[in-house]
Protein backbone atom coordinates (compact mmCIF):
# COMPACT_ATOMS: atom_id res chain seq x y z
CA MET A 1 -33.31 -26.05 39.33
CA THR A 2 -36.05 -23.83 38.76
CA ASP A 3 -38.01 -23.60 35.69
CA HIS A 4 -38.56 -19.83 34.29
CA ARG A 5 -39.89 -19.09 31.46
CA ALA A 6 -40.03 -15.04 30.65
CA THR A 7 -43.43 -13.58 29.11
CA SER A 8 -45.04 -10.34 29.50
CA ASP A 9 -42.80 -7.44 27.81
CA ALA A 10 -40.49 -10.50 26.35
CA ALA A 11 -43.55 -11.40 24.32
CA ALA A 12 -44.17 -8.14 23.00
CA LEU A 13 -40.19 -8.04 21.41
CA GLY A 14 -41.06 -11.78 20.24
CA THR A 15 -38.54 -13.49 22.80
CA ASP A 16 -39.78 -16.27 24.57
CA LEU A 17 -36.64 -17.09 26.98
CA HIS A 18 -36.24 -20.48 29.13
CA LEU A 19 -33.65 -21.07 31.30
CA ASP A 20 -32.53 -23.22 34.14
CA ILE A 21 -31.15 -21.19 36.97
CA GLY A 22 -29.36 -23.10 40.02
CA ARG A 23 -29.86 -20.69 43.18
CA GLY A 24 -27.14 -22.55 44.92
CA GLY A 25 -24.46 -20.42 43.60
CA GLY A 26 -26.09 -17.23 43.66
CA LEU A 27 -28.67 -15.75 41.52
CA ARG A 28 -26.11 -13.70 39.11
CA ALA A 29 -23.79 -16.55 38.94
CA GLY A 30 -26.71 -19.14 38.17
CA LEU A 31 -28.41 -16.63 35.28
CA MET A 32 -24.69 -16.40 33.66
CA ASP A 33 -24.26 -20.00 33.84
CA ALA A 34 -27.80 -20.49 32.39
CA LEU A 35 -27.02 -17.91 29.54
CA ARG A 36 -23.68 -19.35 28.42
CA GLU A 37 -25.19 -22.70 28.47
CA ALA A 38 -27.96 -21.37 26.19
CA VAL A 39 -25.55 -19.85 23.74
CA ARG A 40 -23.12 -22.77 24.06
CA SER A 41 -25.84 -25.52 23.01
CA GLY A 42 -27.10 -23.26 20.18
CA ARG A 43 -30.57 -22.62 21.72
CA LEU A 44 -29.94 -18.88 21.89
CA ALA A 45 -28.35 -18.18 18.27
CA PRO A 46 -25.99 -15.48 17.41
CA GLY A 47 -27.80 -12.14 16.92
CA THR A 48 -30.71 -13.51 19.18
CA ARG A 49 -32.36 -10.28 21.02
CA LEU A 50 -32.59 -10.94 24.73
CA PRO A 51 -35.17 -9.26 27.19
CA SER A 52 -34.70 -6.02 28.69
CA SER A 53 -33.22 -6.30 32.24
CA ARG A 54 -36.21 -4.94 33.60
CA THR A 55 -38.30 -7.46 31.96
CA LEU A 56 -36.28 -10.62 32.56
CA ALA A 57 -35.78 -9.69 36.31
CA ALA A 58 -39.66 -9.36 36.68
CA ASP A 59 -40.18 -12.82 35.40
CA LEU A 60 -37.25 -14.50 37.35
CA GLY A 61 -38.58 -12.37 40.49
CA VAL A 62 -35.04 -11.05 41.06
CA ALA A 63 -33.84 -7.44 41.48
CA ARG A 64 -33.27 -5.71 38.07
CA ASN A 65 -29.31 -4.98 38.97
CA THR A 66 -28.87 -8.77 39.32
CA VAL A 67 -30.03 -9.33 35.51
CA ALA A 68 -28.02 -6.08 34.56
CA ASP A 69 -24.90 -7.05 36.11
CA ALA A 70 -25.03 -10.37 34.80
CA TYR A 71 -25.71 -8.94 31.13
CA ALA A 72 -22.89 -6.52 31.76
CA GLU A 73 -20.42 -8.94 32.66
CA LEU A 74 -21.24 -11.63 29.78
CA VAL A 75 -21.06 -8.55 27.38
CA ALA A 76 -17.58 -8.14 28.66
CA GLU A 77 -16.47 -11.80 28.45
CA GLY A 78 -17.95 -11.71 24.64
CA TRP A 79 -20.90 -13.91 25.13
CA LEU A 80 -23.17 -10.84 24.60
CA THR A 81 -23.28 -7.52 22.94
CA ALA A 82 -25.44 -4.37 23.86
CA ARG A 83 -25.87 -1.01 21.58
CA GLN A 84 -28.26 1.99 22.28
CA GLY A 85 -31.24 1.08 20.39
CA SER A 86 -30.52 -2.43 19.59
CA GLY A 87 -30.70 -4.05 22.91
CA THR A 88 -28.60 -6.72 24.28
CA ARG A 89 -28.20 -9.74 22.07
CA VAL A 90 -25.91 -12.91 21.59
CA ALA A 91 -22.64 -12.13 20.06
CA ARG A 92 -22.28 -12.65 16.18
CA ARG A 93 -18.99 -14.80 17.19
CA ALA A 94 -20.64 -16.91 19.63
CA ALA A 95 -20.58 -20.56 18.35
CA PRO A 96 -22.43 -23.30 19.87
CA LEU A 97 -20.05 -25.85 21.59
CA PRO A 98 -20.07 -29.71 22.40
CA ALA A 99 -21.69 -30.44 25.60
CA ARG A 100 -18.77 -30.95 28.33
CA ARG A 101 -18.54 -33.23 30.74
CA ALA A 102 -19.32 -32.53 34.57
CA GLN A 103 -16.56 -32.17 36.57
CA ALA A 104 -15.10 -34.77 38.58
CA GLY A 105 -16.66 -34.98 42.26
CA GLY A 106 -19.43 -32.35 41.32
CA THR A 107 -17.40 -29.23 41.90
CA SER A 108 -18.71 -26.03 40.49
CA PRO A 109 -16.84 -24.16 38.08
CA LEU A 110 -15.29 -20.73 38.87
CA PRO A 111 -16.34 -18.03 37.20
CA TRP A 112 -13.02 -17.71 34.89
CA GLN A 113 -13.24 -21.53 33.91
CA ARG A 114 -16.89 -20.93 32.72
CA ALA A 115 -16.08 -18.23 30.82
CA HIS A 116 -13.09 -20.43 29.31
CA ALA A 117 -15.77 -22.86 27.99
CA ARG A 118 -15.67 -21.45 24.44
CA THR A 119 -13.67 -23.11 21.48
CA GLY A 120 -11.08 -21.80 19.47
CA LYS A 121 -9.61 -18.43 20.70
CA PRO A 122 -8.43 -17.87 24.23
CA LEU A 123 -10.67 -15.54 26.46
CA HIS A 124 -7.68 -13.05 26.85
CA THR A 125 -4.31 -12.84 25.00
CA LEU A 126 -1.03 -10.94 26.34
CA HIS A 127 1.09 -11.56 23.20
CA PRO A 128 3.58 -8.78 22.91
CA GLY A 129 3.75 -6.42 19.69
CA THR A 130 0.10 -5.47 19.09
CA PRO A 131 -1.21 -1.98 20.36
CA ASP A 132 -4.58 -1.52 21.96
CA LEU A 133 -6.71 -1.73 18.85
CA GLY A 134 -9.71 -0.30 20.57
CA SER A 135 -7.95 3.10 21.07
CA PHE A 136 -7.38 3.50 17.19
CA PRO A 137 -8.39 7.19 16.87
CA ARG A 138 -11.34 6.78 14.52
CA ALA A 139 -12.90 10.34 14.52
CA GLU A 140 -9.39 12.02 14.09
CA TRP A 141 -8.40 9.22 11.45
CA LEU A 142 -11.95 10.06 9.68
CA LYS A 143 -11.39 13.91 9.66
CA ALA A 144 -7.92 13.55 8.30
CA SER A 145 -9.34 11.42 5.38
CA ARG A 146 -11.94 13.82 4.49
CA ARG A 147 -9.37 16.39 4.34
CA ALA A 148 -6.85 14.56 2.32
CA LEU A 149 -9.59 12.90 -0.18
CA THR A 150 -10.60 16.68 -0.71
CA ASP A 151 -6.98 18.29 -1.26
CA ALA A 152 -5.73 15.41 -3.11
CA PRO A 153 -4.63 16.04 -6.66
CA HIS A 154 -5.96 14.19 -9.51
CA ASP A 155 -2.53 12.53 -10.26
CA ALA A 156 -3.23 10.57 -6.81
CA PHE A 157 -5.40 8.01 -8.43
CA GLY A 158 -3.08 6.88 -10.85
CA TYR A 159 -0.27 4.72 -10.48
CA GLY A 160 2.22 7.39 -8.83
CA ASP A 161 5.92 7.17 -8.07
CA PRO A 162 6.65 3.74 -6.48
CA ARG A 163 8.68 5.40 -3.29
CA GLY A 164 5.47 6.72 -2.34
CA ARG A 165 3.15 9.67 -2.31
CA PRO A 166 5.33 13.23 -2.31
CA GLU A 167 3.05 14.54 0.28
CA LEU A 168 3.65 11.52 2.57
CA ARG A 169 7.47 11.52 2.55
CA ALA A 170 8.00 14.63 3.05
CA VAL A 171 5.63 15.00 6.11
CA LEU A 172 7.76 11.77 7.29
CA ALA A 173 11.25 13.49 6.76
CA GLU A 174 10.19 16.46 9.17
CA TYR A 175 8.63 14.24 11.70
CA LEU A 176 11.49 11.54 11.98
CA ALA A 177 14.07 14.69 12.21
CA ARG A 178 12.09 15.99 14.69
CA SER A 179 10.90 13.07 16.91
CA ARG A 180 13.48 10.54 16.32
CA GLY A 181 16.64 12.43 15.40
CA VAL A 182 16.62 10.77 11.79
CA HIS A 183 18.83 12.68 9.03
CA ALA A 184 16.35 12.40 5.91
CA ASP A 185 14.88 14.00 2.87
CA ALA A 186 12.14 12.65 1.06
CA ASP A 187 14.19 11.60 -1.82
CA ARG A 188 15.42 9.07 0.47
CA ILE A 189 12.31 7.87 1.83
CA VAL A 190 10.24 4.79 0.33
CA VAL A 191 6.82 4.00 1.68
CA CYS A 192 6.19 0.23 1.92
CA SER A 193 3.56 -2.06 3.26
CA GLY A 194 4.80 -2.30 6.57
CA PHE A 195 8.42 -3.57 8.13
CA ALA A 196 7.97 -7.37 6.78
CA HIS A 197 7.75 -6.23 3.32
CA GLY A 198 10.70 -3.28 3.72
CA LEU A 199 12.71 -6.26 4.78
CA MET A 200 11.91 -8.52 1.88
CA LEU A 201 12.64 -5.49 -0.55
CA LEU A 202 15.82 -5.07 1.54
CA GLY A 203 16.82 -8.73 1.35
CA GLY A 204 16.60 -8.85 -2.56
CA VAL A 205 18.69 -6.06 -2.83
CA LEU A 206 21.15 -7.45 -0.47
CA HIS A 207 21.45 -10.78 -2.38
CA ALA A 208 21.65 -8.80 -5.60
CA ARG A 209 24.94 -7.32 -4.10
CA ARG A 210 26.10 -10.93 -3.32
CA VAL A 211 25.38 -10.55 0.23
CA LYS A 212 25.27 -14.06 2.23
CA ASP A 213 24.91 -13.05 5.64
CA VAL A 214 22.95 -10.83 7.49
CA ALA A 215 23.55 -11.18 11.37
CA VAL A 216 20.57 -10.91 13.65
CA GLU A 217 19.92 -10.86 17.07
CA SER A 218 19.73 -13.91 19.45
CA TYR A 219 16.37 -13.14 20.37
CA GLY A 220 13.53 -11.87 17.77
CA LEU A 221 11.18 -12.76 15.26
CA ASP A 222 11.17 -15.57 13.25
CA VAL A 223 9.15 -13.82 10.56
CA HIS A 224 12.00 -11.82 10.02
CA TRP A 225 14.64 -14.56 9.96
CA ARG A 226 12.21 -16.48 7.41
CA ARG A 227 11.82 -13.08 5.17
CA LEU A 228 15.93 -13.02 4.92
CA ALA A 229 16.19 -16.83 4.42
CA ALA A 230 13.63 -16.47 1.54
CA ALA A 231 15.83 -13.84 -0.29
CA GLY A 232 18.47 -16.51 0.38
CA LEU A 233 20.53 -14.78 3.02
CA ARG A 234 21.83 -16.96 6.32
CA THR A 235 21.01 -15.29 9.61
CA PRO A 236 23.72 -15.82 12.20
CA PRO A 237 23.11 -14.88 15.64
CA LEU A 238 25.24 -12.20 17.27
CA PRO A 239 26.06 -13.12 21.04
CA LEU A 240 23.86 -11.79 24.02
CA ASP A 241 25.15 -10.40 27.62
CA GLU A 242 23.43 -8.60 30.44
CA TYR A 243 23.79 -5.46 28.56
CA GLY A 244 22.12 -6.52 25.30
CA THR A 245 23.56 -7.52 21.77
CA ARG A 246 27.30 -7.78 21.73
CA THR A 247 27.94 -5.88 18.35
CA GLU A 248 31.65 -5.35 19.30
CA ALA A 249 31.94 -9.11 18.63
CA LEU A 250 31.46 -8.19 14.89
CA ALA A 251 34.76 -6.87 14.55
CA GLU A 252 36.08 -10.34 15.98
CA GLY A 253 34.36 -12.39 13.52
CA ALA A 254 31.82 -13.68 15.92
CA ALA A 255 29.24 -14.08 13.21
CA GLY A 256 31.47 -14.57 10.39
CA ARG A 257 31.73 -11.89 7.81
CA PRO A 258 27.77 -10.85 7.41
CA GLY A 259 27.04 -8.28 4.95
CA ALA A 260 24.64 -6.26 7.18
CA VAL A 261 23.28 -6.37 10.58
CA LEU A 262 19.58 -6.30 11.54
CA ILE A 263 19.20 -4.57 14.72
CA THR A 264 16.68 -3.33 17.20
CA PRO A 265 18.68 -0.72 19.16
CA ALA A 266 15.79 1.54 20.69
CA HIS A 267 14.16 -1.30 22.42
CA GLN A 268 15.37 -4.66 21.80
CA PHE A 269 12.59 -7.20 20.89
CA PRO A 270 12.01 -8.85 23.03
CA LEU A 271 14.23 -8.80 25.83
CA GLY A 272 13.44 -4.74 26.18
CA GLY A 273 16.86 -2.87 26.88
CA ALA A 274 18.24 -0.11 24.72
CA LEU A 275 21.70 -0.73 23.15
CA PRO A 276 24.23 1.08 25.18
CA PRO A 277 25.94 4.23 23.39
CA ASP A 278 29.36 2.16 23.35
CA ARG A 279 27.62 -0.83 21.43
CA ARG A 280 26.12 1.73 19.18
CA ALA A 281 29.29 3.23 18.35
CA ALA A 282 30.92 -0.47 17.75
CA LEU A 283 28.19 -1.33 15.29
CA VAL A 284 28.35 1.98 13.14
CA ASP A 285 32.47 1.58 13.13
CA TRP A 286 32.04 -2.09 11.86
CA ALA A 287 30.05 -0.90 8.93
CA ARG A 288 32.18 1.68 8.02
CA ALA A 289 34.96 -0.50 7.90
CA SER A 290 33.71 -3.39 6.49
CA GLY A 291 31.56 -1.41 3.86
CA GLY A 292 28.34 -3.44 5.40
CA LEU A 293 24.81 -2.03 6.23
CA VAL A 294 22.99 -1.70 9.29
CA LEU A 295 19.02 -2.19 9.27
CA GLU A 296 17.48 -0.38 12.17
CA ASP A 297 14.21 -1.83 13.05
CA ASP A 298 13.04 1.40 15.30
CA TYR A 299 10.61 -1.00 17.31
CA ASP A 300 8.54 0.88 19.82
CA GLY A 301 11.07 3.85 19.63
CA GLU A 302 7.97 6.45 20.41
CA PHE A 303 6.90 4.68 23.40
CA ARG A 304 9.40 5.48 25.89
CA TYR A 305 8.49 6.05 29.66
CA ASP A 306 11.90 6.76 31.37
CA ARG A 307 13.37 9.46 29.18
CA GLN A 308 12.71 11.64 25.94
CA PRO A 309 12.65 9.85 22.65
CA VAL A 310 15.45 11.75 21.13
CA GLU A 311 19.13 11.18 22.03
CA ALA A 312 20.59 14.83 23.14
CA THR A 313 23.09 13.97 25.93
CA PRO A 314 26.92 13.12 25.04
CA VAL A 315 28.29 9.98 26.89
CA GLN A 316 31.50 10.76 29.02
CA PRO A 317 34.45 8.66 28.52
CA GLY A 318 34.51 5.84 31.20
CA GLU A 319 31.01 5.76 32.01
CA ARG A 320 29.50 2.68 32.98
CA ALA A 321 26.90 0.95 30.99
CA GLU A 322 24.14 0.87 33.42
CA ALA A 323 24.31 4.65 33.58
CA ARG A 324 24.07 5.06 29.98
CA GLN A 325 20.68 3.27 29.60
CA ARG A 326 19.24 6.18 31.30
CA LEU A 327 20.17 8.66 28.79
CA PRO A 328 17.54 9.42 25.72
CA VAL A 329 17.63 7.20 23.16
CA GLY A 330 17.07 8.49 19.19
CA ALA A 331 17.65 6.64 16.11
CA LEU A 332 20.78 4.75 15.65
CA GLN A 333 20.85 6.08 11.73
CA ALA A 334 21.56 9.66 13.00
CA LEU A 335 25.31 8.39 13.71
CA ASP A 336 25.95 7.52 10.19
CA PRO A 337 23.02 8.21 7.61
CA ASP A 338 24.93 6.58 4.82
CA ARG A 339 25.44 3.07 6.66
CA VAL A 340 22.38 2.59 8.53
CA VAL A 341 18.99 1.82 6.77
CA TYR A 342 15.94 3.18 9.09
CA LEU A 343 12.80 1.19 9.06
CA GLY A 344 9.51 2.34 10.99
CA THR A 345 5.98 1.74 10.49
CA ALA A 346 2.38 2.83 12.23
CA SER A 347 1.74 -0.61 13.63
CA LYS A 348 2.33 -0.04 17.08
CA SER A 349 1.57 3.89 17.30
CA LEU A 350 -1.74 3.61 15.00
CA ALA A 351 -2.63 0.21 13.97
CA PRO A 352 -1.08 -3.06 12.21
CA GLY A 353 -3.78 -3.27 9.69
CA LEU A 354 -3.12 0.14 8.09
CA ARG A 355 0.01 -1.61 6.21
CA LEU A 356 1.75 1.89 6.38
CA GLY A 357 5.64 1.74 6.89
CA TRP A 358 8.46 3.58 5.32
CA MET A 359 12.45 3.19 4.75
CA VAL A 360 14.85 6.08 5.09
CA LEU A 361 18.02 4.77 2.96
CA PRO A 362 21.48 5.89 2.06
CA PRO A 363 21.41 7.63 -1.19
CA GLN A 364 23.36 4.68 -3.04
CA LEU A 365 20.46 2.25 -2.13
CA VAL A 366 17.15 4.25 -3.15
CA GLY A 367 17.46 3.26 -6.82
CA GLU A 368 17.84 -0.21 -6.08
CA VAL A 369 15.06 -0.94 -3.55
CA VAL A 370 12.84 1.25 -6.05
CA ALA A 371 13.77 -1.27 -8.96
CA ALA A 372 13.31 -4.34 -6.59
CA LYS A 373 9.91 -2.85 -5.65
CA GLY A 374 8.95 -2.64 -9.10
CA ASP A 375 5.43 -3.37 -9.19
CA VAL A 376 3.29 -0.45 -7.82
CA GLU A 377 0.35 -2.71 -6.33
CA TRP A 378 2.87 -3.34 -3.46
CA THR A 379 2.77 0.28 -2.67
CA PRO A 380 -0.02 1.19 0.34
CA GLY A 381 -3.12 2.90 -0.96
CA ALA A 382 -2.71 6.63 -2.22
CA LEU A 383 -5.67 7.70 -0.11
CA ASP A 384 -3.90 6.09 3.00
CA GLN A 385 -0.82 7.37 2.56
CA LEU A 386 -2.26 11.10 1.89
CA THR A 387 -4.42 10.42 5.19
CA LEU A 388 -1.34 9.53 7.26
CA ALA A 389 0.30 12.79 5.98
CA GLU A 390 -2.42 14.93 7.08
CA PHE A 391 -2.62 13.04 10.05
CA ILE A 392 0.71 13.76 11.14
CA ALA A 393 0.93 17.22 9.72
CA SER A 394 -2.13 18.37 11.54
CA GLY A 395 -0.79 17.43 14.92
CA ALA A 396 -3.25 14.56 15.49
CA TYR A 397 -0.42 11.70 15.28
CA ASP A 398 1.55 13.60 17.82
CA ARG A 399 -1.62 13.81 20.37
CA HIS A 400 -2.28 10.26 19.56
CA VAL A 401 1.10 9.19 20.50
CA ARG A 402 1.37 11.31 23.73
CA LYS A 403 -2.19 10.23 24.97
CA MET A 404 -1.37 6.32 24.42
CA ARG A 405 2.17 6.62 25.94
CA LEU A 406 0.40 7.46 28.96
CA HIS A 407 -2.19 4.92 28.35
CA TYR A 408 0.27 2.33 28.24
CA ARG A 409 2.64 3.77 31.01
CA ARG A 410 -0.48 3.30 33.15
CA ARG A 411 -0.73 -0.49 32.28
CA ARG A 412 2.83 -0.95 32.64
CA ASN A 413 2.51 0.31 36.15
CA GLU A 414 -0.77 -1.78 36.99
CA LEU A 415 1.34 -4.71 35.51
CA VAL A 416 4.50 -4.18 37.53
CA ARG A 417 2.59 -3.39 40.88
CA ALA A 418 0.56 -6.36 40.55
CA LEU A 419 3.27 -8.59 39.82
CA ALA A 420 5.08 -7.29 42.82
CA ALA A 421 2.64 -7.98 45.23
CA HIS A 422 1.52 -11.18 43.92
CA ALA A 423 5.22 -12.82 42.79
CA PRO A 424 7.66 -10.83 44.27
CA HIS A 425 10.12 -13.82 43.69
CA LEU A 426 9.78 -13.20 39.93
CA ARG A 427 12.15 -10.38 38.35
CA VAL A 428 10.76 -8.03 35.89
CA SER A 429 12.61 -6.40 32.87
CA GLY A 430 12.54 -4.31 30.01
CA VAL A 431 9.65 -1.75 31.67
CA ALA A 432 11.69 1.40 30.30
CA ALA A 433 9.70 1.42 26.86
CA GLY A 434 7.30 -0.59 24.64
CA LEU A 435 4.01 -2.64 24.98
CA HIS A 436 5.64 -5.69 27.28
CA VAL A 437 7.79 -6.61 29.76
CA VAL A 438 10.03 -9.98 30.33
CA VAL A 439 8.90 -11.94 33.70
CA GLU A 440 12.02 -13.92 34.61
CA LEU A 441 11.21 -17.58 35.76
CA PRO A 442 12.90 -20.26 37.59
CA PRO A 443 14.90 -22.45 35.10
CA GLY A 444 12.83 -25.17 33.51
CA THR A 445 9.31 -23.56 34.44
CA GLU A 446 8.55 -21.67 31.13
CA GLN A 447 6.66 -24.14 29.19
CA ALA A 448 4.72 -25.33 32.42
CA ALA A 449 3.83 -21.34 33.00
CA VAL A 450 2.75 -20.97 29.32
CA ARG A 451 0.41 -24.18 29.81
CA ALA A 452 -0.74 -22.95 33.24
CA ALA A 453 -1.97 -19.67 31.39
CA ALA A 454 -3.91 -21.77 28.67
CA ARG A 455 -5.89 -23.35 31.39
CA GLN A 456 -6.85 -19.82 32.45
CA GLY A 457 -8.06 -19.25 29.11
CA LEU A 458 -5.07 -16.59 28.57
CA ALA A 459 -2.53 -16.94 25.55
CA LEU A 460 1.01 -16.32 26.56
CA GLN A 461 4.39 -16.39 24.74
CA GLY A 462 7.37 -17.70 26.60
CA LEU A 463 10.73 -16.27 25.76
CA SER A 464 12.11 -19.43 24.01
CA ARG A 465 9.77 -18.59 21.21
CA PHE A 466 12.00 -15.96 20.05
CA ARG A 467 15.12 -17.58 20.52
CA HIS A 468 17.24 -18.08 17.24
CA PRO A 469 17.93 -21.48 16.67
CA ASP A 470 21.69 -21.27 16.02
CA SER A 471 22.46 -19.25 19.48
CA SER A 472 24.89 -20.54 21.75
CA GLY A 473 24.91 -20.93 25.18
CA PRO A 474 21.73 -21.99 27.42
CA GLY A 475 18.87 -20.33 26.98
CA ARG A 476 16.74 -18.27 29.70
CA ASP A 477 13.07 -19.10 31.18
CA ALA A 478 10.64 -16.23 30.85
CA LEU A 479 7.42 -14.83 29.83
CA VAL A 480 6.99 -11.94 27.31
CA ILE A 481 3.76 -10.28 28.44
CA GLY A 482 2.24 -7.87 26.17
CA TYR A 483 0.30 -5.21 27.81
CA GLY A 484 -0.82 -3.28 24.67
CA THR A 485 -3.54 -5.87 23.23
CA PRO A 486 -6.06 -6.08 25.85
CA THR A 487 -9.08 -3.54 25.34
CA ASP A 488 -9.73 -1.21 28.52
CA SER A 489 -12.89 -4.13 29.39
CA GLN A 490 -10.43 -6.82 28.93
CA TRP A 491 -7.40 -5.65 30.96
CA SER A 492 -8.27 -6.42 34.30
CA GLY A 493 -9.27 -9.88 33.48
CA ALA A 494 -6.18 -11.04 31.67
CA LEU A 495 -3.93 -9.54 34.29
CA ALA A 496 -6.04 -11.91 37.27
CA ALA A 497 -5.74 -14.68 34.56
CA LEU A 498 -1.72 -13.90 34.35
CA LEU A 499 -1.23 -13.94 38.27
CA ARG A 500 -3.36 -17.16 38.90
CA ALA A 501 -0.97 -18.81 36.17
CA LEU A 502 2.21 -17.43 37.32
CA PRO A 503 4.39 -20.38 39.50
CA GLU A 504 4.51 -19.67 43.32
CA ALA A 505 7.62 -18.90 45.37
CA PRO A 506 9.64 -21.87 46.03
């Protein structure tokens, strides 16, 4: 081991840096190890400014590119930050870690193992359902916010209409009709603070109507089931086959006698398929015959990669279900606006932190939902609503969605190609839309794959995580891999960690 102390220019910056660099594994690797250990042990506190790459290279007697490359990789891993005019500093979130025991046999850890030596959060996350937050259109959103604030009427800063700002409701009515085929007018739209808030309001209305059961899909989000349960509703799951949720089973009483159904027809979460047209029709027929309601979660409706978003081609009698899957997919609500509640949000298209969602309600439900909403504090802020209205009306929302559709399609293609090359024995499904794919695994291997990913510093979720506890029949072993979450700088590392975690061919 060699003792190096940076002086010269570093002293002028007030930085005296002591590093122990082992030469056996290469200069860059040794420098990265030494810097990680200095941060991990607390010798380099968060916010500490490091010497410039030129200064440190001169003091260590190495090429400047060696130091620059080490800095860049540590920035990508989250250990350091680099900003113009501020230099390279220790990341604020980097916390000291307890010293780790040496590995058995003295084997040097691999680069990804060293990068995963932090505590708390994993190095990479491929959870489904989250967009690339680094791609949020900050500049365009700021422009829309300024215009919205400048043009906002005085009454926008009062308590306002519990249905939401009329400007946003009017813009949403036009946009949803154009892009998703939704039949709506502004008076039937209620703005809410995301999907979960809308579901909470609907659960209260259904309970007040003496509904006991809301049928759900066999695979979905437990947070939604819990919202309905909190309203005093049971959530019997519908049966499932290779074509998706068997909505025709409603007429057969397979889920009892529910008063409503919660479903993701455009892109089922998490399995990823579109509900075939004949099953859409069966669902609406059930609602008309029983007087029930369909709660449509238009999950990932804007991010389709194999077709146009709005349904336009009629289905021919006798056409096979797999052929029908190739048809454009619009909102189910268009089949019967009086029996279907349409729910959408900006969480996937923009960011969940905006807390902006909307419901397009049958006329007879509007008053009940507004009454259930009650306190105006549940309504998103007026300025955020006006900003979104301006963002959509100006065309910026369409441009952003098209840009992100290409961005996520490239990610999907890279993921599918990598899986085909590295693990051709594993089947990949759910690729036609959305922000995730499903990778089928050999029976009994799902949890082992999740644990293997954790050892790579990668957070993954298995399909069983989304299975309703009352579902009948055997479950499936699979991984639900979200490719929207990582930023561009994190994507390649997350993909490499995934491939290391996948089971080898039998």
